[in-house]
């Protein structure tokens, strides 16, 4: 049995423990003496405990977990005064930003109910998200700028599991979702850490190829889509393990199948239709269709969640422009599972995608040391939000447009050409 084969002898508890180990060793690359700030829902407590144990085994000086509760969130929407939705805990996010400036790592555990706020007032949802985004910005800038090592992992909550497997009992749905998470995170293999090492090598080889090409733009063509995405000046493709400014190598997403870079905020044109629903802050937005002119979304519709989409686009000037474009083959393990996860962390790794809002400085050559003005001059977008949504499928072709205007295939029918 090789290190990259599945280990059928593993119990659920052993796989959960391995997920905690992968989150710490592969996701964060946590260093001795480093603090860890973790966020999670109460449902995720079993995984939180595994991560905490492995963090301390890795030499963490302190692990601090900030818990959320979905029932408490709903109580706010049911009973809080109207003015409450324009307020966020700035003191909390200031504290997180202070921790990051002092060297702490960041880990988020995802697994929320994708439809938690579906029945709530879209205006209140939008206002609450905007207030949180503004308060979170000091911390988000340090994360998006890769000042620190950070990662996201997932927990199979009952509500999320029932959304993915609606025809199963809760117990069966949770078990099936855990199996999918373990497989996507490579923790069901004989040696998960070695498996991630091999996977990172493959992603790095792909980013090298794209960086050597130096395309000026990408063109996506398929049903409901004819979109040209100009790439930022001095853009850099990234994927898999990445070195943060603090010198620590981390995998920002567990799982991760994408290679990504920064579009030019003013050089996107054409129309595009989403290929998977977007789960955003407890609301499902389905069948998104938008049209870009000179980098800006000028028309936008959605079959479901259109009110929320409209308010997202009005968050700030940068919310209607792109901050990321990512390529994922349709044959990725997550896509091959045939599951719709209703969770961006997973669904974005099943399909090519774009992101509205904030760009990653790391995806600009030398961007780690540039000012906001220098980044903007190269085309990097700035916004309070960063929201990925999926536009790829086996029906999408992608071309690279060279600096000289020459066109060559990058993907055909969702696969590398």
Protein backbone atom coordinates (compact mmCIF):
# COMPACT_ATOMS: atom_id res chain seq x y z
CA UNK A 1 0.00 0.00 0.00
CA UNK A 2 1.51 3.33 -1.04
CA UNK A 3 1.33 6.51 0.95
CA UNK A 4 -1.23 7.95 -1.49
CA UNK A 5 -3.67 5.01 -1.22
CA UNK A 6 -6.71 5.10 1.02
CA UNK A 7 -6.45 3.49 4.44
CA UNK A 8 -9.71 1.50 4.97
CA UNK A 9 -8.85 0.71 8.58
CA UNK A 10 -9.33 4.28 9.81
CA UNK A 11 -12.23 5.03 12.15
CA UNK A 12 -14.20 8.28 12.08
CA UNK A 13 -12.38 9.50 15.17
CA UNK A 14 -9.01 8.76 13.60
CA UNK A 15 -9.95 10.65 10.45
CA UNK A 16 -11.18 13.59 12.52
CA UNK A 17 -7.89 13.62 14.39
CA UNK A 18 -6.00 13.54 11.10
CA UNK A 19 -8.05 16.49 9.84
CA UNK A 20 -6.96 18.41 12.91
CA UNK A 21 -3.35 17.45 12.23
CA UNK A 22 -3.57 18.43 8.54
CA UNK A 23 -5.15 21.77 9.46
CA UNK A 24 -2.24 22.55 11.79
CA UNK A 25 0.72 21.02 9.92
CA UNK A 26 -0.32 21.50 6.28
CA UNK A 27 -2.91 24.27 6.45
CA UNK A 28 -1.16 26.56 8.91
CA UNK A 29 2.41 25.30 9.11
CA UNK A 30 2.10 26.45 12.73
CA UNK A 31 5.42 27.30 14.34
CA UNK A 32 6.62 26.74 17.94
CA UNK A 33 5.79 29.74 20.09
CA UNK A 34 3.12 31.03 17.69
CA UNK A 35 -0.37 31.96 18.87
CA UNK A 36 -3.46 30.69 17.06
CA UNK A 37 -6.78 32.52 16.72
CA UNK A 38 -9.57 30.20 15.63
CA UNK A 39 -13.24 30.86 14.77
CA UNK A 40 -15.90 28.14 14.70
CA UNK A 41 -19.54 27.40 15.37
CA UNK A 42 -20.54 25.44 18.47
CA UNK A 43 -21.31 22.44 16.24
CA UNK A 44 -17.62 22.22 15.35
CA UNK A 45 -16.42 21.67 18.94
CA UNK A 46 -15.10 18.11 18.30
CA UNK A 47 -12.85 19.37 15.47
CA UNK A 48 -11.87 22.46 17.47
CA UNK A 49 -10.58 20.21 20.22
CA UNK A 50 -8.53 18.11 17.78
CA UNK A 51 -7.02 21.22 16.20
CA UNK A 52 -6.28 22.70 19.62
CA UNK A 53 -4.49 19.51 20.68
CA UNK A 54 -2.36 19.39 17.54
CA UNK A 55 -1.61 23.10 17.79
CA UNK A 56 -0.22 22.70 21.28
CA UNK A 57 1.72 19.60 20.18
CA UNK A 58 3.23 21.78 17.45
CA UNK A 59 4.38 24.25 20.11
CA UNK A 60 1.61 26.87 20.04
CA UNK A 61 1.97 29.36 22.87
CA UNK A 62 -1.78 29.97 23.08
CA UNK A 63 -4.91 28.85 21.22
CA UNK A 64 -7.92 31.17 21.42
CA UNK A 65 -11.23 30.08 19.88
CA UNK A 66 -14.10 32.46 19.18
CA UNK A 67 -17.38 30.53 18.92
CA UNK A 68 -20.58 31.47 17.08
CA UNK A 69 -24.05 29.99 17.41
CA UNK A 70 -26.59 29.88 14.59
CA UNK A 71 -29.59 29.95 16.93
CA UNK A 72 -28.21 33.09 18.58
CA UNK A 73 -27.76 34.62 15.12
CA UNK A 74 -31.43 33.97 14.30
CA UNK A 75 -32.49 35.51 17.61
CA UNK A 76 -30.87 38.74 16.50
CA UNK A 77 -32.93 38.84 13.30
CA UNK A 78 -36.13 37.96 15.16
CA UNK A 79 -35.85 40.27 18.13
CA UNK A 80 -33.08 42.90 17.82
CA UNK A 81 -33.98 46.58 17.26
CA UNK A 82 -33.57 47.83 13.71
CA UNK A 83 -30.49 49.89 14.52
CA UNK A 84 -28.69 46.73 15.66
CA UNK A 85 -28.04 45.72 12.08
CA UNK A 86 -25.72 48.67 11.48
CA UNK A 87 -23.49 47.66 14.38
CA UNK A 88 -20.58 45.21 14.53
CA UNK A 89 -18.11 44.30 17.27
CA UNK A 90 -15.28 46.51 16.09
CA UNK A 91 -13.42 45.93 19.34
CA UNK A 92 -13.35 42.19 18.61
CA UNK A 93 -11.95 42.57 15.08
CA UNK A 94 -9.47 45.18 16.27
CA UNK A 95 -8.29 42.60 18.78
CA UNK A 96 -7.91 39.98 16.05
CA UNK A 97 -5.94 42.41 13.90
CA UNK A 98 -3.71 43.18 16.89
CA UNK A 99 -3.10 39.47 17.42
CA UNK A 100 -2.15 39.03 13.75
CA UNK A 101 0.22 42.00 13.88
CA UNK A 102 1.88 40.34 16.86
CA UNK A 103 2.42 37.10 14.95
CA UNK A 104 -0.70 35.01 15.55
CA UNK A 105 -1.93 32.54 12.92
CA UNK A 106 -5.57 32.44 11.76
CA UNK A 107 -7.79 29.38 11.31
CA UNK A 108 -11.47 29.43 10.38
CA UNK A 109 -13.71 26.37 10.54
CA UNK A 110 -16.52 26.48 7.97
CA UNK A 111 -19.71 24.43 8.03
CA UNK A 112 -22.59 26.85 8.45
CA UNK A 113 -26.19 26.20 7.44
CA UNK A 114 -26.20 27.55 3.84
CA UNK A 115 -29.83 28.69 4.17
CA UNK A 116 -29.72 30.02 7.72
CA UNK A 117 -30.89 33.52 6.79
CA UNK A 118 -33.02 32.62 3.77
CA UNK A 119 -36.21 33.73 5.50
CA UNK A 120 -34.83 36.94 6.97
CA UNK A 121 -35.14 40.53 5.74
CA UNK A 122 -32.54 40.96 2.94
CA UNK A 123 -32.02 44.59 3.95
CA UNK A 124 -31.09 43.59 7.49
CA UNK A 125 -28.83 40.82 6.20
CA UNK A 126 -27.09 43.28 3.90
CA UNK A 127 -26.66 45.94 6.58
CA UNK A 128 -25.30 43.42 9.08
CA UNK A 129 -22.84 42.04 6.52
CA UNK A 130 -21.69 45.52 5.57
CA UNK A 131 -21.17 46.53 9.20
CA UNK A 132 -19.22 43.35 9.86
CA UNK A 133 -17.12 43.78 6.70
CA UNK A 134 -16.16 47.33 7.68
CA UNK A 135 -15.25 46.29 11.21
CA UNK A 136 -13.33 43.26 9.97
CA UNK A 137 -11.26 45.18 7.41
CA UNK A 138 -8.17 45.79 9.63
CA UNK A 139 -7.91 42.03 10.18
CA UNK A 140 -8.93 41.08 6.63
CA UNK A 141 -6.21 43.23 5.08
CA UNK A 142 -3.59 41.26 7.01
CA UNK A 143 -5.13 37.97 5.84
CA UNK A 144 -5.65 38.99 2.20
CA UNK A 145 -2.15 40.46 2.14
CA UNK A 146 -0.70 37.17 3.46
CA UNK A 147 0.98 39.01 6.32
CA UNK A 148 0.22 35.87 8.35
CA UNK A 149 -0.15 32.13 7.85
CA UNK A 150 -3.84 31.18 7.71
CA UNK A 151 -6.16 28.43 6.58
CA UNK A 152 -9.79 27.32 6.41
CA UNK A 153 -11.02 23.80 7.21
CA UNK A 154 -14.55 22.38 7.46
CA UNK A 155 -16.87 20.60 9.87
CA UNK A 156 -19.95 18.55 8.89
CA UNK A 157 -22.76 20.28 10.75
CA UNK A 158 -26.23 18.65 10.63
CA UNK A 159 -27.85 21.60 8.82
CA UNK A 160 -25.15 21.68 6.14
CA UNK A 161 -25.29 17.89 5.76
CA UNK A 162 -29.07 17.95 5.20
CA UNK A 163 -28.64 20.64 2.54
CA UNK A 164 -26.18 18.41 0.64
CA UNK A 165 -28.13 15.17 1.23
CA UNK A 166 -31.77 16.27 1.64
CA UNK A 167 -33.24 12.78 1.13
CA UNK A 168 -31.19 11.14 3.89
CA UNK A 169 -31.80 11.02 7.61
CA UNK A 170 -29.71 13.50 9.57
CA UNK A 171 -27.43 10.76 10.86
CA UNK A 172 -26.77 9.33 7.39
CA UNK A 173 -26.39 12.80 5.85
CA UNK A 174 -23.77 13.81 8.43
CA UNK A 175 -21.84 10.57 7.91
CA UNK A 176 -21.86 11.03 4.11
CA UNK A 177 -20.74 14.65 4.36
CA UNK A 178 -17.90 13.67 6.69
CA UNK A 179 -16.77 11.06 4.17
CA UNK A 180 -16.74 13.75 1.46
CA UNK A 181 -14.80 16.20 3.65
CA UNK A 182 -12.24 13.57 4.64
CA UNK A 183 -11.70 12.54 1.00
CA UNK A 184 -11.39 16.12 -0.26
CA UNK A 185 -8.97 16.94 2.56
CA UNK A 186 -6.87 13.81 1.83
CA UNK A 187 -7.04 12.63 5.44
CA UNK A 188 -8.36 9.17 4.49
CA UNK A 189 -5.03 8.31 2.83
CA UNK A 190 -2.16 6.34 4.37
CA UNK A 191 0.00 9.47 4.67
CA UNK A 192 -2.07 12.68 4.32
CA UNK A 193 0.91 15.01 4.79
CA UNK A 194 2.84 13.26 2.00
CA UNK A 195 -0.26 13.34 -0.19
CA UNK A 196 -0.53 17.09 0.28
CA UNK A 197 3.13 17.43 -0.62
CA UNK A 198 2.55 15.67 -3.94
CA UNK A 199 -0.58 17.69 -4.61
CA UNK A 200 1.22 20.97 -3.94
CA UNK A 201 3.96 19.98 -6.41
CA UNK A 202 1.33 19.50 -9.13
CA UNK A 203 -0.31 22.85 -8.40
CA UNK A 204 3.05 24.62 -8.38
CA UNK A 205 3.92 23.09 -11.76
CA UNK A 206 0.69 24.49 -13.18
CA UNK A 207 1.31 27.97 -11.74
CA UNK A 208 4.83 27.96 -13.21
CA UNK A 209 3.46 27.17 -16.65
CA UNK A 210 0.90 29.98 -16.45
CA UNK A 211 3.43 32.46 -15.06
CA UNK A 212 5.81 31.63 -17.91
CA UNK A 213 3.03 32.34 -20.44
CA UNK A 214 2.37 35.89 -19.14
CA UNK A 215 -1.09 36.07 -20.69
CA UNK A 216 -2.68 39.50 -20.87
CA UNK A 217 -6.21 38.11 -20.57
CA UNK A 218 -8.36 34.99 -20.32
CA UNK A 219 -11.52 34.39 -22.35
CA UNK A 220 -14.29 32.11 -21.03
CA UNK A 221 -16.85 30.83 -23.56
CA UNK A 222 -19.82 28.52 -22.96
CA UNK A 223 -23.58 28.48 -22.37
CA UNK A 224 -24.58 31.95 -21.14
CA UNK A 225 -20.94 33.03 -20.99
CA UNK A 226 -18.60 35.04 -23.18
CA UNK A 227 -16.29 36.79 -20.75
CA UNK A 228 -12.87 38.35 -21.24
CA UNK A 229 -10.90 38.83 -18.01
CA UNK A 230 -7.89 41.09 -18.41
CA UNK A 231 -5.10 40.21 -15.99
CA UNK A 232 -3.42 42.73 -13.73
CA UNK A 233 -0.06 44.15 -14.74
CA UNK A 234 2.73 42.03 -13.22
CA UNK A 235 0.17 39.44 -12.09
CA UNK A 236 1.42 36.26 -10.45
CA UNK A 237 -0.38 32.90 -10.46
CA UNK A 238 -0.58 31.13 -7.11
CA UNK A 239 -1.88 27.74 -6.00
CA UNK A 240 -1.38 25.24 -3.21
CA UNK A 241 1.17 25.96 -0.51
CA UNK A 242 2.22 29.60 -0.25
CA UNK A 243 4.79 31.48 1.81
CA UNK A 244 3.33 34.27 3.94
CA UNK A 245 5.21 37.48 4.67
CA UNK A 246 6.19 36.03 8.05
CA UNK A 247 8.13 33.34 6.17
CA UNK A 248 5.79 30.47 7.08
CA UNK A 249 4.52 28.11 4.37
CA UNK A 250 0.78 27.49 4.59
CA UNK A 251 -2.11 26.07 2.54
CA UNK A 252 -4.83 28.72 2.85
CA UNK A 253 -7.65 26.31 1.95
CA UNK A 254 -8.21 22.71 3.02
CA UNK A 255 -9.22 21.42 0.46
CA UNK A 256 -7.60 23.26 -2.47
CA UNK A 257 -7.64 22.40 -6.19
CA UNK A 258 -7.31 25.88 -7.74
CA UNK A 259 -4.65 28.04 -9.32
CA UNK A 260 -5.55 31.72 -9.16
CA UNK A 261 -4.40 35.24 -9.90
CA UNK A 262 -5.51 38.87 -9.91
CA UNK A 263 -7.61 40.33 -12.74
CA UNK A 264 -7.23 43.94 -13.79
CA UNK A 265 -10.10 45.80 -12.18
CA UNK A 266 -10.77 47.89 -15.32
CA UNK A 267 -10.25 45.25 -18.03
CA UNK A 268 -13.14 42.81 -17.69
CA UNK A 269 -15.84 42.75 -20.36
CA UNK A 270 -18.69 40.55 -21.56
CA UNK A 271 -21.27 38.42 -19.81
CA UNK A 272 -21.07 35.37 -17.56
CA UNK A 273 -23.53 32.97 -15.90
CA UNK A 274 -22.88 31.05 -12.70
CA UNK A 275 -22.68 27.25 -12.90
CA UNK A 276 -23.31 26.53 -9.20
CA UNK A 277 -25.32 28.28 -6.46
CA UNK A 278 -23.49 30.72 -4.23
CA UNK A 279 -24.00 30.32 -0.48
CA UNK A 280 -23.32 33.74 1.03
CA UNK A 281 -23.78 34.57 4.71
CA UNK A 282 -26.71 32.20 5.14
CA UNK A 283 -28.42 33.01 1.82
CA UNK A 284 -28.41 30.96 -1.39
CA UNK A 285 -28.00 32.96 -4.59
CA UNK A 286 -28.76 30.88 -7.68
CA UNK A 287 -28.38 31.33 -11.45
CA UNK A 288 -26.37 34.55 -11.30
CA UNK A 289 -25.99 36.35 -14.62
CA UNK A 290 -23.97 39.56 -14.96
CA UNK A 291 -22.56 41.81 -17.64
CA UNK A 292 -19.27 43.71 -17.34
CA UNK A 293 -18.20 46.91 -19.05
CA UNK A 294 -14.69 48.29 -18.45
CA UNK A 295 -14.28 46.04 -15.43
CA UNK A 296 -17.54 46.95 -13.71
CA UNK A 297 -20.77 44.95 -13.42
CA UNK A 298 -23.46 47.06 -15.10
CA UNK A 299 -26.28 44.47 -15.16
CA UNK A 300 -26.92 41.64 -12.70
CA UNK A 301 -29.74 39.16 -12.17
CA UNK A 302 -30.29 35.98 -10.15
CA UNK A 303 -33.19 33.53 -10.16
CA UNK A 304 -33.01 33.23 -6.38
CA UNK A 305 -31.46 35.64 -3.88
CA UNK A 306 -31.45 38.58 -6.32
CA UNK A 307 -32.19 41.08 -3.54
CA UNK A 308 -29.16 39.93 -1.59
CA UNK A 309 -26.98 39.97 -4.72
CA UNK A 310 -28.04 43.52 -5.49
CA UNK A 311 -27.16 44.70 -2.01
CA UNK A 312 -23.80 42.87 -2.13
CA UNK A 313 -22.94 44.69 -5.36
CA UNK A 314 -23.73 48.01 -3.69
CA UNK A 315 -21.40 47.35 -0.74
CA UNK A 316 -18.80 49.75 -2.16
CA UNK A 317 -17.23 50.76 -5.47
CA UNK A 318 -15.00 47.69 -5.57
CA UNK A 319 -17.84 45.23 -5.01
CA UNK A 320 -18.80 45.37 -8.72
CA UNK A 321 -15.26 44.56 -9.86
CA UNK A 322 -13.18 41.39 -9.74
CA UNK A 323 -10.46 40.60 -7.23
CA UNK A 324 -9.65 37.05 -8.31
CA UNK A 325 -9.91 34.61 -11.22
CA UNK A 326 -9.22 30.93 -10.60
CA UNK A 327 -8.87 27.84 -12.79
CA UNK A 328 -9.98 24.37 -11.66
CA UNK A 329 -10.35 21.34 -13.94
CA UNK A 330 -13.79 19.76 -14.08
CA UNK A 331 -12.14 16.44 -13.17
CA UNK A 332 -10.98 17.73 -9.78
CA UNK A 333 -11.77 15.27 -6.95
CA UNK A 334 -14.46 17.56 -5.58
CA UNK A 335 -16.15 17.92 -8.94
CA UNK A 336 -15.78 14.17 -9.57
CA UNK A 337 -17.69 13.47 -6.34
CA UNK A 338 -20.79 14.74 -8.13
CA UNK A 339 -21.86 16.63 -5.01
CA UNK A 340 -23.10 20.19 -4.77
CA UNK A 341 -21.79 21.31 -1.39
CA UNK A 342 -23.57 24.68 -1.03
CA UNK A 343 -20.30 25.79 0.56
CA UNK A 344 -17.89 28.06 -1.28
CA UNK A 345 -14.77 26.42 0.18
CA UNK A 346 -15.73 23.17 -1.57
CA UNK A 347 -17.71 24.32 -4.59
CA UNK A 348 -15.00 26.78 -5.67
CA UNK A 349 -12.60 23.84 -5.80
CA UNK A 350 -14.93 21.98 -8.14
CA UNK A 351 -15.06 24.65 -10.85
CA UNK A 352 -13.33 27.67 -12.32
CA UNK A 353 -14.48 30.79 -10.52
CA UNK A 354 -14.21 34.53 -10.16
CA UNK A 355 -14.41 36.63 -7.02
CA UNK A 356 -16.05 39.98 -6.53
CA UNK A 357 -14.15 42.48 -4.42
CA UNK A 358 -10.79 42.50 -2.71
CA UNK A 359 -7.71 41.32 -4.62
CA UNK A 360 -4.78 39.41 -3.13
CA UNK A 361 -1.59 41.48 -3.03
CA UNK A 362 0.40 38.26 -3.21
CA UNK A 363 -0.90 37.73 -6.77
CA UNK A 364 1.06 40.79 -7.95
CA UNK A 365 4.81 40.43 -8.41
CA UNK A 366 6.38 42.24 -5.48
CA UNK A 367 2.90 43.04 -4.18
CA UNK A 368 3.83 41.98 -0.66
CA UNK A 369 5.81 45.20 -0.24
CA UNK A 370 3.64 47.58 -2.32
CA UNK A 371 1.40 50.35 -1.07
CA UNK A 372 -2.33 50.29 -1.82
CA UNK A 373 -1.71 52.99 -4.42
CA UNK A 374 0.94 50.90 -6.21
CA UNK A 375 -1.30 47.84 -6.19
CA UNK A 376 -4.19 49.86 -7.61
CA UNK A 377 -1.92 51.20 -10.35
CA UNK A 378 -1.32 47.63 -11.48
CA UNK A 379 -5.03 46.89 -11.54
CA UNK A 380 -5.62 45.27 -8.13
CA UNK A 381 -9.12 45.88 -6.79
CA UNK A 382 -9.98 47.02 -3.27
CA UNK A 383 -13.25 46.30 -1.47
CA UNK A 384 -14.82 45.34 1.84
CA UNK A 385 -15.85 41.98 0.35
CA UNK A 386 -14.25 38.99 -1.36
CA UNK A 387 -16.92 36.60 -2.67
CA UNK A 388 -16.10 33.66 -4.94
CA UNK A 389 -18.70 32.28 -7.34
CA UNK A 390 -18.44 29.46 -9.81
CA UNK A 391 -18.46 29.92 -13.60
CA UNK A 392 -16.72 26.75 -14.79
CA UNK A 393 -18.06 23.40 -16.02
CA UNK A 394 -17.37 20.73 -18.63
CA UNK A 395 -19.14 22.99 -21.12
CA UNK A 396 -16.71 25.92 -20.72
CA UNK A 397 -13.68 26.59 -22.94
CA UNK A 398 -10.93 28.98 -21.83
CA UNK A 399 -8.34 30.68 -24.02
CA UNK A 400 -5.24 32.61 -23.03
CA UNK A 401 -4.61 35.85 -24.89
CA UNK A 402 -0.94 36.71 -25.18
CA UNK A 403 0.69 40.10 -24.89
CA UNK A 404 0.86 40.15 -28.70
CA UNK A 405 -2.82 39.22 -29.08
CA UNK A 406 -2.14 35.60 -29.99
CA UNK A 407 -4.80 33.18 -28.71
CA UNK A 408 -4.15 29.66 -27.45
CA UNK A 409 -6.28 27.12 -25.58
CA UNK A 410 -5.91 26.73 -21.83
CA UNK A 411 -8.96 24.55 -21.15
CA UNK A 412 -11.34 22.64 -23.38
CA UNK A 413 -14.62 21.28 -22.01
CA UNK A 414 -13.45 22.05 -18.52
CA UNK A 415 -10.08 20.24 -18.76
CA UNK A 416 -6.52 21.44 -19.26
CA UNK A 417 -5.79 21.62 -22.98
